[in-house]
C-alpha atoms as a PDB file:
ATOM      1  CA  MET A   1      91.150 106.492 103.083  1.00  0.00           C
ATOM      2  CA  SER A   2      92.124 104.355 106.047  1.00  0.00           C
ATOM      3  CA  PRO A   3      93.014 106.186 109.264  1.00  0.00           C
ATOM      4  CA  LEU A   4      96.617 106.791 110.216  1.00  0.00           C
ATOM      5  CA  SER A   5      98.199 105.388 113.330  1.00  0.00           C
ATOM      6  CA  THR A   6      98.571 107.498 116.449  1.00  0.00           C
ATOM      7  CA  PRO A   7     101.227 110.230 116.553  1.00  0.00           C
ATOM      8  CA  SER A   8     103.438 110.317 119.638  1.00  0.00           C
ATOM      9  CA  ARG A   9     101.772 112.569 122.202  1.00  0.00           C
ATOM     10  CA  GLN A  10     105.115 113.162 123.950  1.00  0.00           C
ATOM     11  CA  VAL A  11     106.859 114.306 120.759  1.00  0.00           C
ATOM     12  CA  LEU A  12     103.888 116.388 119.635  1.00  0.00           C
ATOM     13  CA  THR A  13     103.713 118.167 122.997  1.00  0.00           C
ATOM     14  CA  GLU A  14     107.477 118.844 123.018  1.00  0.00           C
ATOM     15  CA  LEU A  15     107.519 120.231 119.481  1.00  0.00           C
ATOM     16  CA  ALA A  16     104.360 122.293 119.945  1.00  0.00           C
ATOM     17  CA  ALA A  17     105.854 123.937 123.041  1.00  0.00           C
ATOM     18  CA  THR A  18     109.099 124.628 121.177  1.00  0.00           C
ATOM     19  CA  PHE A  19     107.857 125.732 117.760  1.00  0.00           C
ATOM     20  CA  LEU A  20     104.206 126.738 117.860  1.00  0.00           C
ATOM     21  CA  SER A  21     102.915 130.027 119.172  1.00  0.00           C
ATOM     22  CA  GLY A  22      99.719 130.191 121.190  1.00  0.00           C
ATOM     23  CA  THR A  23      97.142 129.309 118.565  1.00  0.00           C
ATOM     24  CA  GLU A  24      93.963 128.236 120.294  1.00  0.00           C
ATOM     25  CA  ALA A  25      91.275 126.837 118.025  1.00  0.00           C
ATOM     26  CA  LEU A  26      88.639 128.870 119.869  1.00  0.00           C
ATOM     27  CA  ILE A  27      89.977 132.135 118.459  1.00  0.00           C
ATOM     28  CA  HIS A  28      87.532 133.438 115.877  1.00  0.00           C
ATOM     29  CA  GLY A  29      88.838 132.759 112.408  1.00  0.00           C
ATOM     30  CA  ALA A  30      91.360 130.063 113.330  1.00  0.00           C
ATOM     31  CA  SER A  31      92.381 128.030 110.312  1.00  0.00           C
ATOM     32  CA  PRO A  32      91.090 124.496 109.717  1.00  0.00           C
ATOM     33  CA  VAL A  33      94.597 123.195 110.470  1.00  0.00           C
ATOM     34  CA  ARG A  34      94.722 124.900 113.876  1.00  0.00           C
ATOM     35  CA  ARG A  35      91.179 123.827 114.796  1.00  0.00           C
ATOM     36  CA  THR A  36      91.977 120.237 113.819  1.00  0.00           C
ATOM     37  CA  PHE A  37      95.282 120.402 115.727  1.00  0.00           C
ATOM     38  CA  ALA A  38      93.372 121.412 118.879  1.00  0.00           C
ATOM     39  CA  THR A  39      90.980 118.479 118.336  1.00  0.00           C
ATOM     40  CA  LEU A  40      93.911 116.109 117.864  1.00  0.00           C
ATOM     41  CA  THR A  41      95.652 117.184 121.066  1.00  0.00           C
ATOM     42  CA  ALA A  42      92.402 116.826 123.029  1.00  0.00           C
ATOM     43  CA  LEU A  43      91.912 113.313 121.629  1.00  0.00           C
ATOM     44  CA  LEU A  44      95.504 112.354 122.480  1.00  0.00           C
ATOM     45  CA  ASP A  45      94.941 113.573 126.049  1.00  0.00           C
ATOM     46  CA  ALA A  46      91.737 111.505 126.251  1.00  0.00           C
ATOM     47  CA  GLN A  47      93.595 108.465 124.918  1.00  0.00           C
ATOM     48  CA  VAL A  48      96.212 108.713 127.678  1.00  0.00           C
ATOM     49  CA  ILE A  49      93.430 108.617 130.261  1.00  0.00           C
ATOM     50  CA  ALA A  50      91.703 105.713 128.462  1.00  0.00           C
ATOM     51  CA  LEU A  51      94.927 103.685 128.260  1.00  0.00           C
ATOM     52  CA  ALA A  52      95.631 104.317 131.946  1.00  0.00           C
ATOM     53  CA  LYS A  53      92.147 102.993 132.783  1.00  0.00           C
ATOM     54  CA  VAL A  54      92.698  99.843 130.689  1.00  0.00           C
ATOM     55  CA  ASP A  55      96.095  99.277 132.349  1.00  0.00           C
ATOM     56  CA  ARG A  56      94.613  99.773 135.829  1.00  0.00           C
ATOM     57  CA  ILE A  57      91.754  97.328 135.207  1.00  0.00           C
ATOM     58  CA  GLU A  58      94.131  94.732 133.731  1.00  0.00           C
ATOM     59  CA  ALA A  59      96.508  95.076 136.694  1.00  0.00           C
ATOM     60  CA  GLU A  60      93.651  94.698 139.183  1.00  0.00           C
ATOM     61  CA  LEU A  61      92.317  91.650 137.326  1.00  0.00           C
ATOM     62  CA  THR A  62      95.736  90.017 137.241  1.00  0.00           C
ATOM     63  CA  ALA A  63      96.195  90.684 140.959  1.00  0.00           C
ATOM     64  CA  GLN A  64      92.766  89.198 141.742  1.00  0.00           C
ATOM     65  CA  THR A  65      92.598  86.248 139.376  1.00  0.00           C
ATOM     66  CA  GLY A  66      96.179  85.721 138.198  1.00  0.00           C
ATOM     67  CA  HIS A  67      97.203  85.300 134.597  1.00  0.00           C
ATOM     68  CA  PRO A  68      94.857  83.105 132.584  1.00  0.00           C
ATOM     69  CA  ARG A  69      97.521  80.463 131.990  1.00  0.00           C
ATOM     70  CA  VAL A  70      98.671  77.095 133.338  1.00  0.00           C
ATOM     71  CA  THR A  71     102.023  75.874 134.590  1.00  0.00           C
ATOM     72  CA  LEU A  72     103.468  73.101 132.442  1.00  0.00           C
ATOM     73  CA  PRO A  73     105.302  70.140 133.958  1.00  0.00           C
ATOM     74  CA  VAL A  74     109.077  70.567 133.778  1.00  0.00           C
ATOM     75  CA  LEU A  75     112.096  68.605 134.896  1.00  0.00           C
ATOM     76  CA  PRO A  76     113.134  69.162 138.539  1.00  0.00           C
ATOM     77  CA  GLY A  77     115.385  72.188 138.821  1.00  0.00           C
ATOM     78  CA  SER A  78     114.149  73.700 135.536  1.00  0.00           C
ATOM     79  CA  ALA A  79     112.574  77.145 135.299  1.00  0.00           C
ATOM     80  CA  PRO A  80     108.775  77.229 135.297  1.00  0.00           C
ATOM     81  CA  SER A  81     107.094  77.100 131.912  1.00  0.00           C
ATOM     82  CA  TYR A  82     103.604  78.392 131.151  1.00  0.00           C
ATOM     83  CA  ALA A  83     100.975  78.059 128.445  1.00  0.00           C
ATOM     84  CA  ALA A  84      98.196  80.525 127.730  1.00  0.00           C
ATOM     85  CA  ASP A  85      96.561  78.577 124.910  1.00  0.00           C
ATOM     86  CA  ALA A  86      95.583  74.994 124.120  1.00  0.00           C
ATOM     87  CA  VAL A  87      97.770  74.900 121.009  1.00  0.00           C
ATOM     88  CA  THR A  88     100.907  75.425 123.101  1.00  0.00           C
ATOM     89  CA  ILE A  89      99.826  72.713 125.534  1.00  0.00           C
ATOM     90  CA  ARG A  90      99.201  70.262 122.697  1.00  0.00           C
ATOM     91  CA  ARG A  91     102.466  71.159 120.960  1.00  0.00           C
ATOM     92  CA  LEU A  92     104.550  70.651 124.107  1.00  0.00           C
ATOM     93  CA  LEU A  93     102.659  67.789 125.785  1.00  0.00           C
ATOM     94  CA  GLY A  94     100.796  66.010 123.006  1.00  0.00           C
ATOM     95  CA  ASP A  95      97.206  64.793 123.391  1.00  0.00           C
ATOM     96  CA  GLY A  96      97.547  62.655 126.515  1.00  0.00           C
ATOM     97  CA  PRO A  97      95.608  62.916 129.788  1.00  0.00           C
ATOM     98  CA  VAL A  98      97.987  65.493 131.309  1.00  0.00           C
ATOM     99  CA  ALA A  99      97.580  67.766 128.291  1.00  0.00           C
ATOM    100  CA  ARG A 100      93.780  67.385 128.325  1.00  0.00           C
ATOM    101  CA  ARG A 101      93.597  68.126 132.066  1.00  0.00           C
ATOM    102  CA  LEU A 102      95.754  71.251 131.669  1.00  0.00           C
ATOM    103  CA  ALA A 103      93.671  72.397 128.684  1.00  0.00           C
ATOM    104  CA  ASP A 104      90.514  72.040 130.824  1.00  0.00           C
ATOM    105  CA  VAL A 105      92.110  73.983 133.704  1.00  0.00           C
ATOM    106  CA  LEU A 106      93.221  76.691 131.270  1.00  0.00           C
ATOM    107  CA  ARG A 107      89.737  76.956 129.737  1.00  0.00           C
ATOM    108  CA  ARG A 108      88.165  77.412 133.198  1.00  0.00           C
ATOM    109  CA  ARG A 109      90.748  80.052 134.184  1.00  0.00           C
ATOM    110  CA  GLN A 110      90.191  81.928 130.949  1.00  0.00           C
ATOM    111  CA  GLN A 111      86.419  81.833 131.440  1.00  0.00           C
ATOM    112  CA  ARG A 112      86.816  83.212 134.985  1.00  0.00           C
ATOM    113  CA  PHE A 113      89.147  85.927 133.671  1.00  0.00           C
ATOM    114  CA  VAL A 114      86.682  86.891 130.911  1.00  0.00           C
ATOM    115  CA  GLN A 115      83.795  87.049 133.403  1.00  0.00           C
ATOM    116  CA  ALA A 116      85.861  89.114 135.846  1.00  0.00           C
ATOM    117  CA  ALA A 117      87.004  91.384 132.985  1.00  0.00           C
ATOM    118  CA  GLU A 118      83.409  92.006 131.916  1.00  0.00           C
ATOM    119  CA  THR A 119      82.381  92.756 135.491  1.00  0.00           C
ATOM    120  CA  ALA A 120      85.308  95.169 135.864  1.00  0.00           C
ATOM    121  CA  GLY A 121      84.467  96.941 132.591  1.00  0.00           C
ATOM    122  CA  LEU A 122      87.593  95.937 130.669  1.00  0.00           C
ATOM    123  CA  PRO A 123      85.914  95.237 127.308  1.00  0.00           C
ATOM    124  CA  ALA A 124      84.140  98.601 127.405  1.00  0.00           C
ATOM    125  CA  ALA A 125      87.356 100.409 128.367  1.00  0.00           C
ATOM    126  CA  GLN A 126      89.249  98.670 125.561  1.00  0.00           C
ATOM    127  CA  ALA A 127      86.501  99.455 123.041  1.00  0.00           C
ATOM    128  CA  TYR A 128      86.547 103.134 124.043  1.00  0.00           C
ATOM    129  CA  GLU A 129      90.337 103.295 123.640  1.00  0.00           C
ATOM    130  CA  ARG A 130      90.078 101.629 120.199  1.00  0.00           C
ATOM    131  CA  THR A 131      87.410 104.148 119.195  1.00  0.00           C
ATOM    132  CA  LEU A 132      89.691 106.987 120.252  1.00  0.00           C
ATOM    133  CA  ALA A 133      92.600 105.486 118.292  1.00  0.00           C
ATOM    134  CA  ILE A 134      90.470 105.330 115.138  1.00  0.00           C
ATOM    135  CA  GLU A 135      89.266 108.891 115.658  1.00  0.00           C
ATOM    136  CA  ILE A 136      92.853 110.068 116.221  1.00  0.00           C
ATOM    137  CA  GLY A 137      93.874 108.441 112.954  1.00  0.00           C
ATOM    138  CA  ASP A 138      91.008 110.101 111.106  1.00  0.00           C
ATOM    139  CA  VAL A 139      91.724 113.523 112.640  1.00  0.00           C
ATOM    140  CA  THR A 140      95.449 113.169 111.888  1.00  0.00           C
ATOM    141  CA  ALA A 141      94.668 112.429 108.239  1.00  0.00           C
ATOM    142  CA  ALA A 142      92.205 115.340 108.086  1.00  0.00           C
ATOM    143  CA  LEU A 143      94.785 117.716 109.544  1.00  0.00           C
ATOM    144  CA  LEU A 144      97.477 116.660 107.094  1.00  0.00           C
ATOM    145  CA  LEU A 145      95.073 117.089 104.164  1.00  0.00           C
ATOM    146  CA  ALA A 146      93.548 120.391 105.338  1.00  0.00           C
ATOM    147  CA  PRO A 147      94.364 123.490 103.271  1.00  0.00           C
ATOM    148  CA  THR A 148      97.005 125.773 104.770  1.00  0.00           C
ATOM    149  CA  THR A 149      96.635 129.519 105.100  1.00  0.00           C
ATOM    150  CA  ASP A 150     100.065 130.529 106.385  1.00  0.00           C
ATOM    151  CA  PHE A 151     103.463 129.368 107.649  1.00  0.00           C
ATOM    152  CA  ASP A 152     101.944 128.559 111.037  1.00  0.00           C
ATOM    153  CA  ASP A 153      99.668 125.973 109.406  1.00  0.00           C
ATOM    154  CA  HIS A 154     102.681 124.384 107.734  1.00  0.00           C
ATOM    155  CA  ALA A 155     104.468 124.272 111.088  1.00  0.00           C
ATOM    156  CA  HIS A 156     101.457 122.561 112.708  1.00  0.00           C
ATOM    157  CA  LYS A 157     101.396 119.951 109.949  1.00  0.00           C
ATOM    158  CA  LEU A 158     105.124 119.300 110.297  1.00  0.00           C
ATOM    159  CA  VAL A 159     104.829 118.951 114.077  1.00  0.00           C
ATOM    160  CA  VAL A 160     102.192 116.257 113.519  1.00  0.00           C
ATOM    161  CA  LEU A 161     104.303 114.528 110.860  1.00  0.00           C
ATOM    162  CA  VAL A 162     107.342 114.463 113.134  1.00  0.00           C
ATOM    163  CA  ALA A 163     105.231 113.088 116.006  1.00  0.00           C
ATOM    164  CA  PHE A 164     103.796 110.509 113.609  1.00  0.00           C
ATOM    165  CA  TYR A 165     107.228 109.267 112.528  1.00  0.00           C
ATOM    166  CA  GLU A 166     108.903 109.508 115.960  1.00  0.00           C
ATOM    167  CA  PRO A 167     107.420 107.133 118.526  1.00  0.00           C
ATOM    168  CA  GLY A 168     109.958 108.386 121.062  1.00  0.00           C
ATOM    169  CA  PRO A 169     113.035 110.588 121.617  1.00  0.00           C
ATOM    170  CA  PRO A 170     115.607 108.134 120.161  1.00  0.00           C
ATOM    171  CA  ASP A 171     113.861 108.428 116.779  1.00  0.00           C
ATOM    172  CA  ALA A 172     114.642 112.167 116.578  1.00  0.00           C
ATOM    173  CA  THR A 173     118.047 111.419 115.071  1.00  0.00           C
ATOM    174  CA  THR A 174     116.916 108.857 112.495  1.00  0.00           C
ATOM    175  CA  SER A 175     115.140 109.128 109.159  1.00  0.00           C
ATOM    176  CA  PRO A 176     112.647 110.606 108.530  1.00  0.00           C
ATOM    177  CA  GLY A 177     112.314 112.342 111.916  1.00  0.00           C
ATOM    178  CA  ALA A 178     115.643 114.166 111.743  1.00  0.00           C
ATOM    179  CA  TYR A 179     114.858 115.517 108.269  1.00  0.00           C
ATOM    180  CA  LEU A 180     111.334 116.551 109.164  1.00  0.00           C
ATOM    181  CA  ARG A 181     112.652 118.370 112.249  1.00  0.00           C
ATOM    182  CA  THR A 182     115.132 120.213 110.028  1.00  0.00           C
ATOM    183  CA  LEU A 183     112.341 121.165 107.632  1.00  0.00           C
ATOM    184  CA  LEU A 184     110.252 122.389 110.575  1.00  0.00           C
ATOM    185  CA  THR A 185     113.133 124.552 111.794  1.00  0.00           C
ATOM    186  CA  ASP A 186     113.646 125.925 108.277  1.00  0.00           C
ATOM    187  CA  ILE A 187     109.964 126.876 107.966  1.00  0.00           C
ATOM    188  CA  ILE A 188     110.032 128.639 111.333  1.00  0.00           C
ATOM    189  CA  LYS A 189     113.145 130.597 110.330  1.00  0.00           C
ATOM    190  CA  LEU A 190     111.664 131.506 106.967  1.00  0.00           C
ATOM    191  CA  ALA A 191     108.434 132.634 108.580  1.00  0.00           C
ATOM    192  CA  LYS A 192     110.285 134.834 111.076  1.00  0.00           C
ATOM    193  CA  ALA A 193     112.426 136.283 108.321  1.00  0.00           C
ATOM    194  CA  LYS A 194     109.270 137.222 106.417  1.00  0.00           C
ATOM    195  CA  ASN A 195     107.663 138.577 109.613  1.00  0.00           C
ATOM    196  CA  ALA A 196     104.971 135.930 109.482  1.00  0.00           C
ATOM    197  CA  ASN A 197     102.543 135.569 112.360  1.00  0.00           C
ATOM    198  CA  PHE A 198     104.515 133.407 114.807  1.00  0.00           C
END
């Protein structure tokens, strides 16, 4: 089974605070769903830190070396136009000497950017974030397929499903997020009515 994409950490945190009781995975006898949920939240926290590191390195590289692109010739008074690949240069300028010179300049800038990125640790930071994303997908799938033992497990699964289908707050009122939130609320009410452990 291929891994799922990343659930929204913001939505998951909001729903967990609203609907889930304190269910730490370290408690002896915690269900597989709750242990996996704790793993998932830890991975999502690690991913936020990893993404922030990638963003910081990219911003520093851009400030130091500029964007690996070239400025294309435009008519006087026109807005600047840029190209970040040789195909765009060739498409807009043809194969003449100006296009070849700009393609050479672009290649050198891109090489400098790649060397600076390697020195700054960008490829390693990106690889670590990608590894976390894959692991998050695998853990999300494992959580959703884990056997449930009580209403609380069902609530944990629904919180993850809602966070999976809602990238951000505006999606809370659209399908399927709105319906999954309603189902989550119904399960919580049913569990409380049956005096379940919530």
